[in-house]
Amino acid sequence: MVPPPPKDSQTRRPRLGNVLGRIVLVLLLIVVVAAGAWGLGALNRRDAAPLGPPPFLVPLQQVEPGAAVPGSAAVTGANPMDEWATRVAGKTDIPLRALRAYAAADLTMQREAPACRISWATLAGIGRVESHHGNINGARLQDNGLPSRPIVGIPLDGGPGVKAIHDTDGGRLDGDTTWDRAVGPMQFIPGTWNRWAKRAAADGLPADPQNIDDAALTAANYLCAAGTRDLGTGQGWWAAVLDYNNSVQYGQNVFSGADAYARASMTQ
């Protein structure tokens, strides 16, 4: 028979287990505290990370139709595709490719219809409302002036808030042989496009409503009514924009964008 162990040995074993348990508990607490500190530090580092410049904001101006004309700023330099376009694009968030089209249309109308006094800023105000400058519904404006996929509006079938316009072009521009749809970055109805279309490039090809250069120049031609309007006056500007879309809210949105763009372009 093996004699029982001494009493001090029996009491020592539980104490040793308690010590080991406490050590494990302390180690676990250290791990938890360290993990929490690391997570808090990571959160603080993420919050402190630079977020870049804020987006360009356009405050809505509830201008009465005919009461005023938005600010206008000249395209400086011999060519709109120079440092002016790069500088203004950086100040306004207008995509550089779209801004070049608006500026080129402005310069063309200065030569062909100087009395119209249309501004690139007004064209940009329309482009902003109509298609976010060709970047709407997943489309992206490409270097060749075309969106990454065609921009085509809803059918104008007389639904709520929509005018009924039956097909006028056999679906050639909008792909719909039943109803017309607005097309391109400046959202032209086929019938309006076919009347006012102008090709920006002197290449003999037909104007394309999906091309931002053709769309901007055609919009300028339409707003100017082939040179018979003066957009340098409140009455003339509002008559042109409401002819584009007969809605006071629409006109105020275009006015607000045009004015904000023009003012931003003049800041240093």
Protein backbone atom coordinates (compact mmCIF):
# COMPACT_ATOMS: atom_id res chain seq x y z
CA MET A 1 0.00 0.00 0.00
CA VAL A 2 1.35 3.37 -1.03
CA PRO A 3 1.25 5.88 1.79
CA PRO A 4 -0.80 9.06 1.13
CA PRO A 5 1.15 12.15 0.11
CA PRO A 6 2.00 14.73 2.69
CA LYS A 7 -0.67 17.31 3.48
CA ASP A 8 1.42 20.19 2.18
CA SER A 9 1.62 18.49 -1.25
CA GLN A 10 -2.19 18.19 -1.42
CA THR A 11 -2.65 21.85 -0.65
CA ARG A 12 0.09 22.94 -3.06
CA ARG A 13 -1.52 21.42 -6.18
CA PRO A 14 -4.75 23.46 -6.08
CA ARG A 15 -2.78 26.61 -5.41
CA LEU A 16 -0.58 25.95 -8.44
CA GLY A 17 -3.69 25.48 -10.61
CA ASN A 18 -5.15 28.74 -9.35
CA VAL A 19 -1.96 30.58 -10.22
CA LEU A 20 -1.88 29.16 -13.73
CA GLY A 21 -5.55 30.07 -14.25
CA ARG A 22 -4.89 33.63 -13.14
CA ILE A 23 -1.94 33.90 -15.52
CA VAL A 24 -4.06 32.71 -18.43
CA LEU A 25 -6.81 35.16 -17.48
CA VAL A 26 -4.35 38.05 -17.33
CA LEU A 27 -2.91 37.08 -20.72
CA LEU A 28 -6.40 36.99 -22.22
CA LEU A 29 -7.16 40.43 -20.79
CA ILE A 30 -3.95 41.78 -22.27
CA VAL A 31 -4.85 40.37 -25.68
CA VAL A 32 -8.38 41.85 -25.52
CA VAL A 33 -7.11 45.28 -24.46
CA ALA A 34 -4.42 45.27 -27.14
CA ALA A 35 -6.91 44.27 -29.83
CA GLY A 36 -9.28 47.02 -28.74
CA ALA A 37 -6.51 49.60 -28.77
CA TRP A 38 -5.41 48.52 -32.26
CA GLY A 39 -8.99 48.69 -33.54
CA LEU A 40 -9.51 52.15 -32.08
CA GLY A 41 -6.24 53.30 -33.60
CA ALA A 42 -7.22 51.91 -36.99
CA LEU A 43 -10.57 53.68 -36.77
CA ASN A 44 -8.88 56.95 -35.88
CA ARG A 45 -6.41 56.51 -38.72
CA ARG A 46 -9.25 55.88 -41.16
CA ASP A 47 -11.14 58.94 -39.91
CA ALA A 48 -8.02 61.03 -40.26
CA ALA A 49 -7.31 59.86 -43.81
CA PRO A 50 -7.64 62.61 -46.43
CA LEU A 51 -10.99 62.45 -48.23
CA GLY A 52 -10.08 64.71 -51.14
CA PRO A 53 -11.85 67.91 -52.18
CA PRO A 54 -15.62 68.13 -51.64
CA PRO A 55 -17.88 67.80 -54.69
CA PHE A 56 -18.84 70.97 -56.56
CA LEU A 57 -22.09 72.20 -55.08
CA VAL A 58 -24.73 74.11 -57.03
CA PRO A 59 -27.12 76.06 -54.78
CA LEU A 60 -30.60 76.28 -56.27
CA GLN A 61 -31.55 79.82 -57.26
CA GLN A 62 -35.30 80.30 -57.52
CA VAL A 63 -35.11 83.03 -60.15
CA GLU A 64 -38.31 84.25 -61.72
CA PRO A 65 -38.42 83.55 -65.48
CA GLY A 66 -37.11 86.49 -67.44
CA ALA A 67 -35.84 88.32 -64.36
CA ALA A 68 -32.14 87.66 -64.79
CA VAL A 69 -29.50 85.93 -66.84
CA PRO A 70 -26.87 83.67 -65.23
CA GLY A 71 -23.26 84.71 -65.05
CA SER A 72 -21.19 84.39 -68.19
CA ALA A 73 -17.48 83.85 -68.47
CA ALA A 74 -15.34 83.92 -71.57
CA VAL A 75 -13.29 81.03 -72.87
CA THR A 76 -9.76 82.41 -72.68
CA GLY A 77 -6.96 81.30 -74.94
CA ALA A 78 -6.89 80.46 -78.61
CA ASN A 79 -8.21 76.95 -78.11
CA PRO A 80 -10.68 75.59 -75.52
CA MET A 81 -8.52 72.49 -75.16
CA ASP A 82 -5.75 74.38 -73.38
CA GLU A 83 -4.90 75.12 -69.77
CA TRP A 84 -8.19 77.07 -69.41
CA ALA A 85 -10.23 73.88 -69.82
CA THR A 86 -8.02 71.96 -67.41
CA ARG A 87 -8.21 74.72 -64.81
CA VAL A 88 -11.99 75.19 -65.08
CA ALA A 89 -12.67 71.46 -65.09
CA GLY A 90 -10.75 71.21 -61.83
CA LYS A 91 -12.84 73.98 -60.27
CA THR A 92 -16.27 72.81 -61.44
CA ASP A 93 -16.13 69.00 -61.57
CA ILE A 94 -17.24 69.19 -65.21
CA PRO A 95 -15.50 66.33 -67.05
CA LEU A 96 -12.74 67.80 -69.19
CA ARG A 97 -14.06 66.16 -72.37
CA ALA A 98 -17.53 67.65 -71.86
CA LEU A 99 -16.14 71.08 -70.98
CA ARG A 100 -14.14 71.15 -74.20
CA ALA A 101 -17.34 70.48 -76.16
CA TYR A 102 -19.23 73.27 -74.41
CA ALA A 103 -16.36 75.70 -74.94
CA ALA A 104 -15.94 74.74 -78.60
CA ALA A 105 -19.66 75.31 -79.20
CA ASP A 106 -19.41 78.71 -77.50
CA LEU A 107 -16.51 79.74 -79.75
CA THR A 108 -18.29 78.48 -82.87
CA MET A 109 -21.41 80.49 -82.09
CA GLN A 110 -19.30 83.58 -81.41
CA ARG A 111 -18.17 83.35 -85.03
CA GLU A 112 -21.44 82.25 -86.62
CA ALA A 113 -24.05 84.01 -84.47
CA PRO A 114 -22.32 86.61 -82.26
CA ALA A 115 -25.58 88.40 -81.45
CA CYS A 116 -26.84 85.28 -79.64
CA ARG A 117 -24.30 85.67 -76.80
CA ILE A 118 -24.67 82.09 -75.65
CA SER A 119 -22.15 80.94 -73.05
CA TRP A 120 -20.41 77.64 -72.50
CA ALA A 121 -21.73 77.91 -68.92
CA THR A 122 -25.34 77.74 -70.11
CA LEU A 123 -24.54 74.66 -72.19
CA ALA A 124 -22.84 73.15 -69.14
CA GLY A 125 -25.91 73.97 -67.04
CA ILE A 126 -28.08 72.03 -69.50
CA GLY A 127 -25.61 69.15 -69.75
CA ARG A 128 -25.53 68.88 -65.96
CA VAL A 129 -29.32 68.55 -65.69
CA GLU A 130 -29.83 66.35 -68.74
CA SER A 131 -27.15 63.70 -68.26
CA HIS A 132 -24.54 64.74 -65.69
CA HIS A 133 -22.36 65.74 -68.64
CA GLY A 134 -22.73 62.38 -70.37
CA ASN A 135 -22.16 60.33 -67.22
CA ILE A 136 -25.60 59.02 -66.34
CA ASN A 137 -26.99 55.55 -65.58
CA GLY A 138 -23.55 53.99 -65.65
CA ALA A 139 -22.42 55.65 -68.89
CA ARG A 140 -19.03 57.36 -69.03
CA LEU A 141 -18.03 60.00 -71.55
CA GLN A 142 -15.05 58.74 -73.57
CA ASP A 143 -12.19 60.59 -75.25
CA ASN A 144 -13.89 60.22 -78.65
CA GLY A 145 -16.86 62.24 -77.37
CA LEU A 146 -19.24 59.28 -77.19
CA PRO A 147 -20.67 57.82 -73.97
CA SER A 148 -19.54 54.30 -73.12
CA ARG A 149 -23.08 53.21 -73.93
CA PRO A 150 -25.86 55.11 -75.72
CA ILE A 151 -27.88 57.49 -73.57
CA VAL A 152 -31.58 56.99 -74.34
CA GLY A 153 -34.47 58.35 -72.28
CA ILE A 154 -37.80 56.84 -71.37
CA PRO A 155 -40.53 56.44 -74.02
CA LEU A 156 -42.58 59.60 -74.44
CA ASP A 157 -45.82 57.65 -74.22
CA GLY A 158 -48.05 60.11 -72.38
CA GLY A 159 -47.53 58.54 -68.97
CA PRO A 160 -47.57 60.59 -65.74
CA GLY A 161 -45.62 63.80 -66.33
CA VAL A 162 -44.60 62.71 -69.83
CA LYS A 163 -45.77 64.20 -73.11
CA ALA A 164 -46.99 61.74 -75.73
CA ILE A 165 -44.86 61.88 -78.88
CA HIS A 166 -45.30 59.08 -81.39
CA ASP A 167 -42.25 57.86 -83.28
CA THR A 168 -40.95 60.39 -85.82
CA ASP A 169 -37.77 58.75 -87.09
CA GLY A 170 -38.59 55.07 -87.48
CA GLY A 171 -36.44 54.35 -84.43
CA ARG A 172 -33.27 55.46 -86.24
CA LEU A 173 -31.93 57.54 -83.33
CA ASP A 174 -33.66 56.07 -80.29
CA GLY A 175 -34.32 52.46 -81.31
CA ASP A 176 -38.06 52.84 -80.61
CA THR A 177 -40.49 52.55 -83.53
CA THR A 178 -43.55 53.30 -81.39
CA TRP A 179 -42.64 56.33 -79.30
CA ASP A 180 -39.93 58.95 -79.47
CA ARG A 181 -37.27 59.07 -76.76
CA ALA A 182 -34.76 61.77 -75.89
CA VAL A 183 -31.25 60.76 -76.92
CA GLY A 184 -27.65 61.67 -76.19
CA PRO A 185 -25.93 63.69 -73.46
CA MET A 186 -28.04 66.78 -74.25
CA GLN A 187 -31.26 64.70 -74.52
CA PHE A 188 -32.69 65.68 -77.88
CA ILE A 189 -36.04 64.41 -79.15
CA PRO A 190 -35.46 62.97 -82.65
CA GLY A 191 -37.72 65.50 -84.37
CA THR A 192 -35.90 68.44 -82.76
CA TRP A 193 -32.53 66.91 -83.51
CA ASN A 194 -33.32 66.39 -87.18
CA ARG A 195 -34.28 70.07 -87.53
CA TRP A 196 -31.37 71.71 -85.69
CA ALA A 197 -28.50 69.22 -85.87
CA LYS A 198 -25.00 70.55 -86.57
CA ARG A 199 -21.83 68.51 -86.98
CA ALA A 200 -18.92 69.89 -84.95
CA ALA A 201 -16.18 68.23 -87.00
CA ALA A 202 -15.67 69.29 -90.60
CA ASP A 203 -15.54 65.71 -91.84
CA GLY A 204 -18.72 65.50 -93.91
CA LEU A 205 -20.33 62.94 -91.62
CA PRO A 206 -23.85 63.38 -90.26
CA ALA A 207 -24.26 64.86 -86.79
CA ASP A 208 -24.59 62.29 -84.02
CA PRO A 209 -26.73 63.13 -80.95
CA GLN A 210 -24.64 60.75 -78.84
CA ASN A 211 -21.47 62.72 -79.62
CA ILE A 212 -20.93 65.45 -77.01
CA ASP A 213 -19.36 67.81 -79.56
CA ASP A 214 -22.31 67.55 -81.96
CA ALA A 215 -24.83 67.60 -79.12
CA ALA A 216 -23.37 70.74 -77.52
CA LEU A 217 -23.17 72.61 -80.83
CA THR A 218 -26.70 71.55 -81.79
CA ALA A 219 -27.96 72.67 -78.38
CA ALA A 220 -26.33 76.06 -78.92
CA ASN A 221 -27.86 76.32 -82.40
CA TYR A 222 -31.29 75.39 -81.04
CA LEU A 223 -31.10 77.78 -78.07
CA CYS A 224 -30.00 80.59 -80.35
CA ALA A 225 -32.74 79.67 -82.85
CA ALA A 226 -30.16 79.93 -85.62
CA GLY A 227 -29.03 83.34 -84.37
CA THR A 228 -32.41 84.99 -83.85
CA ARG A 229 -32.26 85.03 -80.02
CA ASP A 230 -30.12 87.03 -77.61
CA LEU A 231 -29.26 84.94 -74.55
CA GLY A 232 -27.47 87.92 -73.02
CA THR A 233 -30.81 89.23 -71.73
CA GLY A 234 -33.07 87.74 -69.10
CA GLN A 235 -36.01 87.52 -71.47
CA GLY A 236 -33.95 85.95 -74.24
CA TRP A 237 -32.19 83.46 -71.97
CA TRP A 238 -35.38 82.24 -70.34
CA ALA A 239 -37.26 82.01 -73.62
CA ALA A 240 -34.50 79.80 -75.00
CA VAL A 241 -34.20 77.50 -71.99
CA LEU A 242 -37.97 77.11 -71.54
CA ASP A 243 -38.16 76.26 -75.22
CA TYR A 244 -35.64 73.49 -74.49
CA ASN A 245 -37.83 72.21 -71.64
CA ASN A 246 -40.98 74.09 -70.69
CA SER A 247 -40.59 73.88 -66.91
CA VAL A 248 -39.75 76.73 -64.53
CA GLN A 249 -38.05 74.29 -62.17
CA TYR A 250 -35.94 73.02 -65.06
CA GLY A 251 -35.00 76.58 -65.99
CA GLN A 252 -34.03 77.36 -62.41
CA ASN A 253 -31.85 74.25 -62.25
CA VAL A 254 -30.09 75.20 -65.49
CA PHE A 255 -29.73 78.81 -64.32
CA SER A 256 -28.22 77.68 -61.01
CA GLY A 257 -25.67 75.40 -62.67
CA ALA A 258 -24.71 77.94 -65.33
CA ASP A 259 -24.27 80.71 -62.79
CA ALA A 260 -22.23 78.55 -60.41
CA TYR A 261 -19.98 77.30 -63.22
CA ALA A 262 -19.36 80.79 -64.58
CA ARG A 263 -18.50 82.21 -61.17
CA ALA A 264 -16.22 79.31 -60.29
CA SER A 265 -14.34 79.66 -63.58
CA MET A 266 -13.40 83.24 -62.71
CA THR A 267 -11.85 82.43 -59.35
CA GLN A 268 -8.09 82.14 -59.07
